[in-house]
Every structure is written in structure tokens, then in C-alpha cells.
Amino acid sequence: MNNKRNLIINADGYGFTPGVNEGILKTFEAGIVTSTSCTPNFGHLDKAGEVQTQFPDVSFGIHFNLNVGPPCAPVEKVRSLVGEDGLFHGPALGKKLLQGKIKIEEMEIELAAQAAILADQGVKISHWDGHQNKHLWPFYFEAASRVAKRFAISGVRSHRRQLYTNSGPIPRSTLIGYYSRNPKRIVTHLGGRMRTAQAERKGFAAADRLITPGYADNSHKSLNGFWLTLADTLASGYSEVYCHPGFPDDLLRTNSKYVDPRADEVRVLTAPELLRHYNECGITLISFWDLKKVRSL
């Protein structure tokens, strides 16, 4: 285990909407967000390859998306993935997968089309994850893994969750109580750990843990206190935390339930005193490219 405290702060959804892009760019400029996951299917990547050149220390991954918005592939090639309106099925995707109504080869066609859009813009894709973490589902995970290998993507989001509160990591005794009250979380969180291990066996680099607030109290990534506590209590090794900075716009309100707190995330993450606190605490902010170097040693 590395004795230093290394952290990837990944902003999800670059390319989702113009307002999201604007918010994420501001966090790049502030110097604390070290990675982003791009959403290609809404048509707002805005020359992501040039943005990557502008911020060479930021890793650009792909935020695979099969549940919100339009496909990148021609509709006739991914008919099982969309409804009559030509849009993804939304919350019905999971049920349709279990019912065998989604064609796996069409999933792979669409995921490859999304990765190709990003690559064609000149982006060197560092890692992969999925919108609303749906990439962890059966069939979806396997299809995404194959596409990621095809595009030489080396990293993947960790789903070894470390649950956080306003005071820091949840103690083991409290954690047992939490899971006893929320047994469904045992299944999903253990499943995420299994997926991370599967991804590592396939050769993808993942962080030691995924920092996750908000399960046991009102801690939240839109609150300054969470980020300060994280710096004060972060474990040694390699950690990842994802966030959703952005400025709300009509497109975001149409396609997401998480809207207004994104502006609070921008405000918190761009405050100069936050980056200063991380530096004072000895936190090394890294990207997925740095993680790849470490894991390949």
C-alpha cells in the first residue's frame, strides 16, 4: 500500500449540456478537479480534444450512457435500445435487459459509437464508467469492457465504496448497523466490489476505494464541509471521488434529477481555500494516467 494519500477527483458528464461543461471547466481552472468522464451522446463535447490539450494534467474518460437521451449510432442499428421516440428507454432499461429485450450486440455497437466520437475529437481516453453507474449491470458491463479494450482504455472507476459521513469514514461498528438496516445496499455494494475486481482481472487500473458520502447522514458533495473532512481523513493509497459540477440549464433539467446542487458543487470546488487546504494536508491530486503508471509497475 502506498503510504501517501493520492486522490482522483473526477467530474462526471462533460458534454452533457453547455451548463455542465462551463461548470466543469471552472473546476479545471481552479486546479482541484483532476479528471472528467465525457458524455458523447448529447452533442455538446465542444472540441473536447482541444480542451484536453489545454488541461494536460486532467484525464479524460468516457461516461458510457445507454439510458438517457439519443444514441450515437444510427437508430436502425440499435433499435432494441430505444423507444418509438428514438431515445433510450430511461428507467425501463434494467427491466428490458432482464427480460432479454435488449440485444447485446446493439449495446456494443452503441458503446463503440460513443467511444469513437470522443476518439475522433482527438481525445486520448483514460478510463471508463457509466451514467448512474448502470455499467455495473449484467451484459452492460461485459459489453462496455470489450469496447474499452478495443479503444485501449486503461482505467476504470473503482466501486469499492468507502462510505463517508460529515465526520469522515463510517466506523466499522456503525457500518454494520447501517447495512443491517439497509440490506439491499449489501447486494449492490458487494456487487460493485466484484465488478471492480473483474475489471482489474481484465487489465483495467482502478483506485483502492471510491469515496461515497450521504448514505448515513446529510453529508454531500455540494457542501464545503464534506470536502474539508475528506482532506483531513483520507486514507493512504489511491482514492477516487466523483462529483457533478455544472450550471443548470434547460437541457439538464429535462434529462436529470440532480440539477441545482451542481452549481453549489462549482462554488465549493473553485474556492481557492479548498485547494490550499488539500495542499496543506499533503493530499496529492492525481489523474487516471497517474494511476495507470502506478498499477503497471
C-alpha atoms as a PDB file:
ATOM      1  CA  MET A   1       0.000   0.000   0.000  1.00  0.00           C
ATOM      2  CA  ASN A   2       1.285   3.444  -0.895  1.00  0.00           C
ATOM      3  CA  ASN A   3       1.804   5.493   2.290  1.00  0.00           C
ATOM      4  CA  LYS A   4       0.999   8.741   0.532  1.00  0.00           C
ATOM      5  CA  ARG A   5      -2.541   9.991   0.166  1.00  0.00           C
ATOM      6  CA  ASN A   6      -3.463  10.204  -3.513  1.00  0.00           C
ATOM      7  CA  LEU A   7      -6.852  11.325  -4.775  1.00  0.00           C
ATOM      8  CA  ILE A   8      -8.611  11.434  -8.147  1.00  0.00           C
ATOM      9  CA  ILE A   9     -11.433  13.987  -8.204  1.00  0.00           C
ATOM     10  CA  ASN A  10     -13.481  13.139 -11.291  1.00  0.00           C
ATOM     11  CA  ALA A  11     -16.185  15.442 -12.675  1.00  0.00           C
ATOM     12  CA  ASP A  12     -18.865  13.390 -14.395  1.00  0.00           C
ATOM     13  CA  GLY A  13     -20.682  14.460 -17.535  1.00  0.00           C
ATOM     14  CA  TYR A  14     -18.513  16.730 -19.666  1.00  0.00           C
ATOM     15  CA  GLY A  15     -20.527  17.068 -22.880  1.00  0.00           C
ATOM     16  CA  PHE A  16     -23.891  16.527 -21.161  1.00  0.00           C
ATOM     17  CA  THR A  17     -25.056  20.140 -21.522  1.00  0.00           C
ATOM     18  CA  PRO A  18     -23.399  23.538 -22.138  1.00  0.00           C
ATOM     19  CA  GLY A  19     -24.003  24.498 -18.497  1.00  0.00           C
ATOM     20  CA  VAL A  20     -22.358  21.325 -17.238  1.00  0.00           C
ATOM     21  CA  ASN A  21     -19.362  21.968 -19.488  1.00  0.00           C
ATOM     22  CA  GLU A  22     -18.999  25.504 -18.180  1.00  0.00           C
ATOM     23  CA  GLY A  23     -19.061  24.360 -14.570  1.00  0.00           C
ATOM     24  CA  ILE A  24     -16.561  21.556 -15.132  1.00  0.00           C
ATOM     25  CA  LEU A  25     -14.153  23.879 -16.948  1.00  0.00           C
ATOM     26  CA  LYS A  26     -14.192  26.236 -13.989  1.00  0.00           C
ATOM     27  CA  THR A  27     -13.153  23.383 -11.701  1.00  0.00           C
ATOM     28  CA  PHE A  28     -10.291  22.529 -14.066  1.00  0.00           C
ATOM     29  CA  GLU A  29      -9.142  26.127 -13.921  1.00  0.00           C
ATOM     30  CA  ALA A  30      -9.298  26.094 -10.118  1.00  0.00           C
ATOM     31  CA  GLY A  31      -6.878  23.144 -10.143  1.00  0.00           C
ATOM     32  CA  ILE A  32      -8.662  20.693  -7.872  1.00  0.00           C
ATOM     33  CA  VAL A  33     -10.572  18.509 -10.337  1.00  0.00           C
ATOM     34  CA  THR A  34      -8.058  16.197 -11.980  1.00  0.00           C
ATOM     35  CA  SER A  35     -10.272  14.069 -14.201  1.00  0.00           C
ATOM     36  CA  THR A  36     -13.549  14.067 -16.104  1.00  0.00           C
ATOM     37  CA  SER A  37     -15.817  11.497 -17.744  1.00  0.00           C
ATOM     38  CA  CYS A  38     -17.323  12.622 -21.045  1.00  0.00           C
ATOM     39  CA  THR A  39     -20.881  12.050 -22.235  1.00  0.00           C
ATOM     40  CA  PRO A  40     -20.831  11.978 -26.067  1.00  0.00           C
ATOM     41  CA  ASN A  41     -24.476  11.400 -26.985  1.00  0.00           C
ATOM     42  CA  PHE A  42     -25.881  14.879 -26.337  1.00  0.00           C
ATOM     43  CA  GLY A  43     -23.737  16.607 -28.935  1.00  0.00           C
ATOM     44  CA  HIS A  44     -22.038  19.097 -26.625  1.00  0.00           C
ATOM     45  CA  LEU A  45     -18.467  17.835 -26.380  1.00  0.00           C
ATOM     46  CA  ASP A  46     -17.317  21.201 -27.788  1.00  0.00           C
ATOM     47  CA  LYS A  47     -13.949  20.136 -29.182  1.00  0.00           C
ATOM     48  CA  ALA A  48     -13.028  18.044 -26.169  1.00  0.00           C
ATOM     49  CA  GLY A  49      -9.671  17.187 -27.739  1.00  0.00           C
ATOM     50  CA  GLU A  50      -8.677  20.856 -27.663  1.00  0.00           C
ATOM     51  CA  VAL A  51      -9.862  21.143 -24.069  1.00  0.00           C
ATOM     52  CA  GLN A  52      -7.727  18.139 -23.146  1.00  0.00           C
ATOM     53  CA  THR A  53      -4.722  19.858 -24.716  1.00  0.00           C
ATOM     54  CA  GLN A  54      -5.493  22.978 -22.690  1.00  0.00           C
ATOM     55  CA  PHE A  55      -5.550  20.934 -19.454  1.00  0.00           C
ATOM     56  CA  PRO A  56      -2.874  18.238 -19.945  1.00  0.00           C
ATOM     57  CA  ASP A  57      -2.914  17.193 -16.275  1.00  0.00           C
ATOM     58  CA  VAL A  58      -6.600  16.260 -16.448  1.00  0.00           C
ATOM     59  CA  SER A  59      -7.539  12.744 -17.562  1.00  0.00           C
ATOM     60  CA  PHE A  60     -10.490  12.452 -19.949  1.00  0.00           C
ATOM     61  CA  GLY A  61     -12.541   9.271 -19.728  1.00  0.00           C
ATOM     62  CA  ILE A  62     -15.844   8.154 -21.200  1.00  0.00           C
ATOM     63  CA  HIS A  63     -19.133   8.187 -19.318  1.00  0.00           C
ATOM     64  CA  PHE A  64     -20.924   5.361 -21.136  1.00  0.00           C
ATOM     65  CA  ASN A  65     -24.639   6.070 -21.375  1.00  0.00           C
ATOM     66  CA  LEU A  66     -27.392   3.716 -22.514  1.00  0.00           C
ATOM     67  CA  ASN A  67     -30.294   5.129 -20.520  1.00  0.00           C
ATOM     68  CA  VAL A  68     -30.694   8.886 -21.157  1.00  0.00           C
ATOM     69  CA  GLY A  69     -31.036  10.820 -24.413  1.00  0.00           C
ATOM     70  CA  PRO A  70     -30.446   9.779 -28.034  1.00  0.00           C
ATOM     71  CA  PRO A  71     -27.996   7.138 -29.285  1.00  0.00           C
ATOM     72  CA  CYS A  72     -24.813   7.997 -31.155  1.00  0.00           C
ATOM     73  CA  ALA A  73     -25.210   5.063 -33.551  1.00  0.00           C
ATOM     74  CA  PRO A  74     -27.900   5.147 -36.257  1.00  0.00           C
ATOM     75  CA  VAL A  75     -31.235   4.217 -34.705  1.00  0.00           C
ATOM     76  CA  GLU A  76     -31.767   1.336 -37.142  1.00  0.00           C
ATOM     77  CA  LYS A  77     -28.606  -0.315 -35.789  1.00  0.00           C
ATOM     78  CA  VAL A  78     -29.621  -0.077 -32.120  1.00  0.00           C
ATOM     79  CA  ARG A  79     -33.389  -0.473 -32.340  1.00  0.00           C
ATOM     80  CA  SER A  80     -33.676  -2.530 -29.134  1.00  0.00           C
ATOM     81  CA  LEU A  81     -32.037   0.263 -27.128  1.00  0.00           C
ATOM     82  CA  VAL A  82     -34.581   2.959 -27.962  1.00  0.00           C
ATOM     83  CA  GLY A  83     -38.298   3.590 -27.878  1.00  0.00           C
ATOM     84  CA  GLU A  84     -40.534   4.859 -30.651  1.00  0.00           C
ATOM     85  CA  ASP A  85     -39.274   8.381 -29.953  1.00  0.00           C
ATOM     86  CA  GLY A  86     -35.717   7.323 -30.840  1.00  0.00           C
ATOM     87  CA  LEU A  87     -34.479   7.917 -27.281  1.00  0.00           C
ATOM     88  CA  PHE A  88     -33.020   5.479 -24.757  1.00  0.00           C
ATOM     89  CA  HIS A  89     -35.514   3.657 -22.529  1.00  0.00           C
ATOM     90  CA  GLY A  90     -34.577   5.504 -19.328  1.00  0.00           C
ATOM     91  CA  PRO A  91     -35.546   3.686 -16.111  1.00  0.00           C
ATOM     92  CA  ALA A  92     -37.034   0.828 -18.161  1.00  0.00           C
ATOM     93  CA  LEU A  93     -33.587  -0.245 -19.387  1.00  0.00           C
ATOM     94  CA  GLY A  94     -32.935  -2.579 -16.453  1.00  0.00           C
ATOM     95  CA  LYS A  95     -36.224  -4.412 -16.800  1.00  0.00           C
ATOM     96  CA  LYS A  96     -35.773  -4.798 -20.549  1.00  0.00           C
ATOM     97  CA  LEU A  97     -32.276  -6.188 -20.012  1.00  0.00           C
ATOM     98  CA  LEU A  98     -33.583  -8.798 -17.583  1.00  0.00           C
ATOM     99  CA  GLN A  99     -36.395  -9.687 -19.988  1.00  0.00           C
ATOM    100  CA  GLY A 100     -33.917 -10.254 -22.807  1.00  0.00           C
ATOM    101  CA  LYS A 101     -35.396  -7.449 -24.896  1.00  0.00           C
ATOM    102  CA  ILE A 102     -32.064  -5.647 -25.298  1.00  0.00           C
ATOM    103  CA  LYS A 103     -29.712  -7.059 -27.914  1.00  0.00           C
ATOM    104  CA  ILE A 104     -26.191  -7.321 -26.536  1.00  0.00           C
ATOM    105  CA  GLU A 105     -24.608  -6.749 -29.939  1.00  0.00           C
ATOM    106  CA  GLU A 106     -26.551  -3.492 -30.230  1.00  0.00           C
ATOM    107  CA  MET A 107     -25.276  -2.384 -26.823  1.00  0.00           C
ATOM    108  CA  GLU A 108     -21.760  -2.927 -28.075  1.00  0.00           C
ATOM    109  CA  ILE A 109     -22.451  -1.040 -31.316  1.00  0.00           C
ATOM    110  CA  GLU A 110     -23.737   1.962 -29.369  1.00  0.00           C
ATOM    111  CA  LEU A 111     -20.953   1.979 -26.782  1.00  0.00           C
ATOM    112  CA  ALA A 112     -18.360   1.777 -29.561  1.00  0.00           C
ATOM    113  CA  ALA A 113     -20.060   4.676 -31.365  1.00  0.00           C
ATOM    114  CA  GLN A 114     -19.821   6.764 -28.193  1.00  0.00           C
ATOM    115  CA  ALA A 115     -16.138   5.976 -27.727  1.00  0.00           C
ATOM    116  CA  ALA A 116     -15.450   6.678 -31.401  1.00  0.00           C
ATOM    117  CA  ILE A 117     -16.932  10.179 -31.173  1.00  0.00           C
ATOM    118  CA  LEU A 118     -14.601  11.005 -28.317  1.00  0.00           C
ATOM    119  CA  ALA A 119     -11.579   9.456 -30.016  1.00  0.00           C
ATOM    120  CA  ASP A 120     -12.358  11.214 -33.310  1.00  0.00           C
ATOM    121  CA  GLN A 121     -12.172  14.539 -31.471  1.00  0.00           C
ATOM    122  CA  GLY A 122      -8.587  13.710 -30.596  1.00  0.00           C
ATOM    123  CA  VAL A 123      -9.226  12.674 -27.008  1.00  0.00           C
ATOM    124  CA  LYS A 124      -6.949  10.031 -25.565  1.00  0.00           C
ATOM    125  CA  ILE A 125      -9.450   8.152 -23.388  1.00  0.00           C
ATOM    126  CA  SER A 126      -8.043   7.358 -19.962  1.00  0.00           C
ATOM    127  CA  HIS A 127     -10.836   5.453 -18.208  1.00  0.00           C
ATOM    128  CA  TRP A 128     -14.463   4.364 -18.370  1.00  0.00           C
ATOM    129  CA  ASP A 129     -17.503   4.429 -16.142  1.00  0.00           C
ATOM    130  CA  GLY A 130     -21.251   4.747 -16.702  1.00  0.00           C
ATOM    131  CA  HIS A 131     -24.127   7.177 -16.306  1.00  0.00           C
ATOM    132  CA  GLN A 132     -25.888   6.449 -12.997  1.00  0.00           C
ATOM    133  CA  ASN A 133     -23.461   3.520 -12.618  1.00  0.00           C
ATOM    134  CA  LYS A 134     -25.645   1.396 -14.876  1.00  0.00           C
ATOM    135  CA  HIS A 135     -22.477  -0.028 -16.446  1.00  0.00           C
ATOM    136  CA  LEU A 136     -22.312  -2.398 -13.463  1.00  0.00           C
ATOM    137  CA  TRP A 137     -25.362  -4.307 -14.695  1.00  0.00           C
ATOM    138  CA  PRO A 138     -25.027  -7.759 -16.297  1.00  0.00           C
ATOM    139  CA  PHE A 139     -24.424  -7.709 -20.052  1.00  0.00           C
ATOM    140  CA  TYR A 140     -23.792  -3.943 -19.956  1.00  0.00           C
ATOM    141  CA  PHE A 141     -20.557  -4.453 -18.005  1.00  0.00           C
ATOM    142  CA  GLU A 142     -19.297  -7.129 -20.376  1.00  0.00           C
ATOM    143  CA  ALA A 143     -20.140  -5.086 -23.484  1.00  0.00           C
ATOM    144  CA  ALA A 144     -18.503  -1.957 -22.029  1.00  0.00           C
ATOM    145  CA  SER A 145     -15.387  -3.931 -21.076  1.00  0.00           C
ATOM    146  CA  ARG A 146     -14.995  -5.235 -24.621  1.00  0.00           C
ATOM    147  CA  VAL A 147     -15.401  -1.755 -26.116  1.00  0.00           C
ATOM    148  CA  ALA A 148     -12.960  -0.262 -23.615  1.00  0.00           C
ATOM    149  CA  LYS A 149     -10.372  -2.878 -24.588  1.00  0.00           C
ATOM    150  CA  ARG A 150     -10.958  -2.167 -28.275  1.00  0.00           C
ATOM    151  CA  PHE A 151     -10.222   1.525 -27.700  1.00  0.00           C
ATOM    152  CA  ALA A 152      -7.172   0.817 -25.478  1.00  0.00           C
ATOM    153  CA  ILE A 153      -8.769   2.444 -22.439  1.00  0.00           C
ATOM    154  CA  SER A 154      -6.631   1.581 -19.426  1.00  0.00           C
ATOM    155  CA  GLY A 155      -8.568   2.746 -16.353  1.00  0.00           C
ATOM    156  CA  VAL A 156     -11.969   2.125 -14.792  1.00  0.00           C
ATOM    157  CA  ARG A 157     -13.923   3.619 -11.919  1.00  0.00           C
ATOM    158  CA  SER A 158     -13.488   1.792  -8.642  1.00  0.00           C
ATOM    159  CA  HIS A 159     -16.634   0.607  -6.900  1.00  0.00           C
ATOM    160  CA  ARG A 160     -15.004  -0.414  -3.654  1.00  0.00           C
ATOM    161  CA  ARG A 161     -17.090   2.082  -1.748  1.00  0.00           C
ATOM    162  CA  GLN A 162     -15.860   3.721   1.428  1.00  0.00           C
ATOM    163  CA  LEU A 163     -18.921   5.305   2.980  1.00  0.00           C
ATOM    164  CA  TYR A 164     -18.346   8.779   4.412  1.00  0.00           C
ATOM    165  CA  THR A 165     -20.158  10.978   6.909  1.00  0.00           C
ATOM    166  CA  ASN A 166     -19.596  14.565   7.982  1.00  0.00           C
ATOM    167  CA  SER A 167     -17.016  13.217  10.442  1.00  0.00           C
ATOM    168  CA  GLY A 168     -15.124  11.036   7.970  1.00  0.00           C
ATOM    169  CA  PRO A 169     -15.224   7.319   7.100  1.00  0.00           C
ATOM    170  CA  ILE A 170     -18.026   5.386   8.772  1.00  0.00           C
ATOM    171  CA  PRO A 171     -16.562   3.282  11.625  1.00  0.00           C
ATOM    172  CA  ARG A 172     -16.911  -0.471  11.285  1.00  0.00           C
ATOM    173  CA  SER A 173     -19.432  -0.712  14.134  1.00  0.00           C
ATOM    174  CA  THR A 174     -21.632   1.972  12.569  1.00  0.00           C
ATOM    175  CA  LEU A 175     -21.208   0.383   9.149  1.00  0.00           C
ATOM    176  CA  ILE A 176     -22.571  -2.947  10.371  1.00  0.00           C
ATOM    177  CA  GLY A 177     -25.602  -1.159  11.773  1.00  0.00           C
ATOM    178  CA  TYR A 178     -26.142   0.747   8.543  1.00  0.00           C
ATOM    179  CA  TYR A 179     -26.084  -2.374   6.369  1.00  0.00           C
ATOM    180  CA  SER A 180     -28.355  -4.263   8.765  1.00  0.00           C
ATOM    181  CA  ARG A 181     -30.924  -1.502   8.271  1.00  0.00           C
ATOM    182  CA  ASN A 182     -30.336  -1.343   4.523  1.00  0.00           C
ATOM    183  CA  PRO A 183     -29.797  -4.935   3.338  1.00  0.00           C
ATOM    184  CA  LYS A 184     -30.304  -4.059  -0.341  1.00  0.00           C
ATOM    185  CA  ARG A 185     -27.178  -1.921  -0.145  1.00  0.00           C
ATOM    186  CA  ILE A 186     -25.172  -5.002   0.828  1.00  0.00           C
ATOM    187  CA  VAL A 187     -26.021  -6.584  -2.500  1.00  0.00           C
ATOM    188  CA  THR A 188     -25.309  -3.516  -4.645  1.00  0.00           C
ATOM    189  CA  HIS A 189     -22.124  -2.537  -2.838  1.00  0.00           C
ATOM    190  CA  LEU A 190     -20.716  -6.062  -2.825  1.00  0.00           C
ATOM    191  CA  GLY A 191     -21.648  -6.305  -6.483  1.00  0.00           C
ATOM    192  CA  GLY A 192     -19.683  -3.127  -7.175  1.00  0.00           C
ATOM    193  CA  ARG A 193     -16.645  -4.575  -5.443  1.00  0.00           C
ATOM    194  CA  MET A 194     -16.935  -7.739  -7.509  1.00  0.00           C
ATOM    195  CA  ARG A 195     -17.183  -5.712 -10.720  1.00  0.00           C
ATOM    196  CA  THR A 196     -14.068  -3.744  -9.783  1.00  0.00           C
ATOM    197  CA  ALA A 197     -12.169  -6.973  -9.195  1.00  0.00           C
ATOM    198  CA  GLN A 198     -13.416  -8.334 -12.535  1.00  0.00           C
ATOM    199  CA  ALA A 199     -12.267  -5.188 -14.296  1.00  0.00           C
ATOM    200  CA  GLU A 200      -8.827  -5.444 -12.709  1.00  0.00           C
ATOM    201  CA  ARG A 201      -8.524  -9.047 -13.853  1.00  0.00           C
ATOM    202  CA  LYS A 202      -9.257  -7.807 -17.356  1.00  0.00           C
ATOM    203  CA  GLY A 203      -6.310  -5.422 -17.013  1.00  0.00           C
ATOM    204  CA  PHE A 204      -8.054  -2.153 -16.121  1.00  0.00           C
ATOM    205  CA  ALA A 205      -6.477   0.040 -13.441  1.00  0.00           C
ATOM    206  CA  ALA A 206      -8.751   1.053 -10.543  1.00  0.00           C
ATOM    207  CA  ALA A 207      -8.308   3.047  -7.356  1.00  0.00           C
ATOM    208  CA  ASP A 208      -8.234   1.356  -3.955  1.00  0.00           C
ATOM    209  CA  ARG A 209     -11.559   2.880  -2.942  1.00  0.00           C
ATOM    210  CA  LEU A 210     -14.437   5.096  -4.027  1.00  0.00           C
ATOM    211  CA  ILE A 211     -15.304   7.802  -1.501  1.00  0.00           C
ATOM    212  CA  THR A 212     -19.098   7.974  -1.102  1.00  0.00           C
ATOM    213  CA  PRO A 213     -20.874  10.409   1.249  1.00  0.00           C
ATOM    214  CA  GLY A 214     -24.563  10.744   2.013  1.00  0.00           C
ATOM    215  CA  TYR A 215     -25.588   7.220   2.961  1.00  0.00           C
ATOM    216  CA  ALA A 216     -25.595   7.526   6.743  1.00  0.00           C
ATOM    217  CA  ASP A 217     -26.091  11.280   7.271  1.00  0.00           C
ATOM    218  CA  ASN A 218     -26.583  14.511   5.328  1.00  0.00           C
ATOM    219  CA  SER A 219     -23.010  14.752   4.079  1.00  0.00           C
ATOM    220  CA  HIS A 220     -22.962  15.793   0.432  1.00  0.00           C
ATOM    221  CA  LYS A 221     -20.535  16.773  -2.322  1.00  0.00           C
ATOM    222  CA  SER A 222     -22.235  20.151  -2.669  1.00  0.00           C
ATOM    223  CA  LEU A 223     -21.156  21.053   0.878  1.00  0.00           C
ATOM    224  CA  ASN A 224     -17.774  22.523   1.719  1.00  0.00           C
ATOM    225  CA  GLY A 225     -17.626  20.528   4.949  1.00  0.00           C
ATOM    226  CA  PHE A 226     -17.523  17.202   3.131  1.00  0.00           C
ATOM    227  CA  TRP A 227     -14.501  18.208   1.055  1.00  0.00           C
ATOM    228  CA  LEU A 228     -12.622  19.586   4.064  1.00  0.00           C
ATOM    229  CA  THR A 229     -13.316  16.436   6.070  1.00  0.00           C
ATOM    230  CA  LEU A 230     -12.193  14.295   3.152  1.00  0.00           C
ATOM    231  CA  ALA A 231      -8.808  16.039   3.084  1.00  0.00           C
ATOM    232  CA  ASP A 232      -8.452  15.670   6.855  1.00  0.00           C
ATOM    233  CA  THR A 233      -9.345  11.972   6.992  1.00  0.00           C
ATOM    234  CA  LEU A 234      -8.387  10.466   3.618  1.00  0.00           C
ATOM    235  CA  ALA A 235      -6.680   7.084   3.920  1.00  0.00           C
ATOM    236  CA  SER A 236      -3.304   6.349   2.382  1.00  0.00           C
ATOM    237  CA  GLY A 237      -3.131   4.784  -1.052  1.00  0.00           C
ATOM    238  CA  TYR A 238      -5.212   5.678  -4.098  1.00  0.00           C
ATOM    239  CA  SER A 239      -8.739   7.005  -3.715  1.00  0.00           C
ATOM    240  CA  GLU A 240     -11.348   8.250  -6.143  1.00  0.00           C
ATOM    241  CA  VAL A 241     -14.331  10.528  -5.657  1.00  0.00           C
ATOM    242  CA  TYR A 242     -16.673  11.648  -8.397  1.00  0.00           C
ATOM    243  CA  CYS A 243     -18.682  14.850  -8.471  1.00  0.00           C
ATOM    244  CA  HIS A 244     -21.148  16.682 -10.712  1.00  0.00           C
ATOM    245  CA  PRO A 245     -20.247  20.372 -11.017  1.00  0.00           C
ATOM    246  CA  GLY A 246     -22.256  22.358 -13.535  1.00  0.00           C
ATOM    247  CA  PHE A 247     -24.550  25.294 -14.132  1.00  0.00           C
ATOM    248  CA  PRO A 248     -28.217  24.313 -14.537  1.00  0.00           C
ATOM    249  CA  ASP A 249     -29.779  24.830 -17.960  1.00  0.00           C
ATOM    250  CA  ASP A 250     -32.977  23.660 -19.642  1.00  0.00           C
ATOM    251  CA  LEU A 251     -31.325  20.616 -21.211  1.00  0.00           C
ATOM    252  CA  LEU A 252     -30.060  19.492 -17.801  1.00  0.00           C
ATOM    253  CA  ARG A 253     -33.469  19.971 -16.190  1.00  0.00           C
ATOM    254  CA  THR A 254     -35.043  17.859 -18.927  1.00  0.00           C
ATOM    255  CA  ASN A 255     -32.618  14.947 -18.577  1.00  0.00           C
ATOM    256  CA  SER A 256     -31.508  14.859 -14.939  1.00  0.00           C
ATOM    257  CA  LYS A 257     -32.999  14.900 -11.463  1.00  0.00           C
ATOM    258  CA  TYR A 258     -29.768  16.248  -9.990  1.00  0.00           C
ATOM    259  CA  VAL A 259     -29.758  19.884 -11.069  1.00  0.00           C
ATOM    260  CA  ASP A 260     -29.464  22.838  -8.687  1.00  0.00           C
ATOM    261  CA  PRO A 261     -26.856  21.363  -6.296  1.00  0.00           C
ATOM    262  CA  ARG A 262     -24.437  21.196  -9.244  1.00  0.00           C
ATOM    263  CA  ALA A 263     -23.954  24.960  -9.049  1.00  0.00           C
ATOM    264  CA  ASP A 264     -23.122  24.585  -5.342  1.00  0.00           C
ATOM    265  CA  GLU A 265     -20.503  22.000  -6.300  1.00  0.00           C
ATOM    266  CA  VAL A 266     -18.921  24.518  -8.681  1.00  0.00           C
ATOM    267  CA  ARG A 267     -18.844  27.146  -5.953  1.00  0.00           C
ATOM    268  CA  VAL A 268     -17.307  24.797  -3.390  1.00  0.00           C
ATOM    269  CA  LEU A 269     -14.749  23.232  -5.732  1.00  0.00           C
ATOM    270  CA  THR A 270     -13.490  26.537  -7.144  1.00  0.00           C
ATOM    271  CA  ALA A 271     -12.891  28.224  -3.784  1.00  0.00           C
ATOM    272  CA  PRO A 272      -9.113  28.877  -3.527  1.00  0.00           C
ATOM    273  CA  GLU A 273      -9.065  27.944   0.150  1.00  0.00           C
ATOM    274  CA  LEU A 274     -10.177  24.389  -0.658  1.00  0.00           C
ATOM    275  CA  LEU A 275      -7.196  23.625  -2.880  1.00  0.00           C
ATOM    276  CA  ARG A 276      -4.960  25.321  -0.327  1.00  0.00           C
ATOM    277  CA  HIS A 277      -6.339  23.034   2.395  1.00  0.00           C
ATOM    278  CA  TYR A 278      -5.644  19.929   0.296  1.00  0.00           C
ATOM    279  CA  ASN A 279      -2.079  21.079  -0.254  1.00  0.00           C
ATOM    280  CA  GLU A 280      -1.613  21.762   3.458  1.00  0.00           C
ATOM    281  CA  CYS A 281      -2.934  18.273   4.262  1.00  0.00           C
ATOM    282  CA  GLY A 282      -0.424  16.687   1.897  1.00  0.00           C
ATOM    283  CA  ILE A 283      -3.026  15.291  -0.487  1.00  0.00           C
ATOM    284  CA  THR A 284      -1.607  14.526  -3.931  1.00  0.00           C
ATOM    285  CA  LEU A 285      -4.232  15.144  -6.604  1.00  0.00           C
ATOM    286  CA  ILE A 286      -3.702  12.659  -9.423  1.00  0.00           C
ATOM    287  CA  SER A 287      -5.382  11.599 -12.668  1.00  0.00           C
ATOM    288  CA  PHE A 288      -6.187   8.197 -14.129  1.00  0.00           C
ATOM    289  CA  TRP A 289      -2.980   8.452 -16.161  1.00  0.00           C
ATOM    290  CA  ASP A 290      -1.015   8.635 -12.908  1.00  0.00           C
ATOM    291  CA  LEU A 291      -2.940   5.623 -11.617  1.00  0.00           C
ATOM    292  CA  LYS A 292      -2.094   3.660 -14.767  1.00  0.00           C
ATOM    293  CA  LYS A 293       1.622   4.315 -14.215  1.00  0.00           C
ATOM    294  CA  VAL A 294       1.425   3.051 -10.644  1.00  0.00           C
ATOM    295  CA  ARG A 295      -0.613  -0.047 -11.467  1.00  0.00           C
ATOM    296  CA  SER A 296       1.691  -1.020 -14.310  1.00  0.00           C
ATOM    297  CA  LEU A 297       4.789  -1.096 -12.086  1.00  0.00           C
END
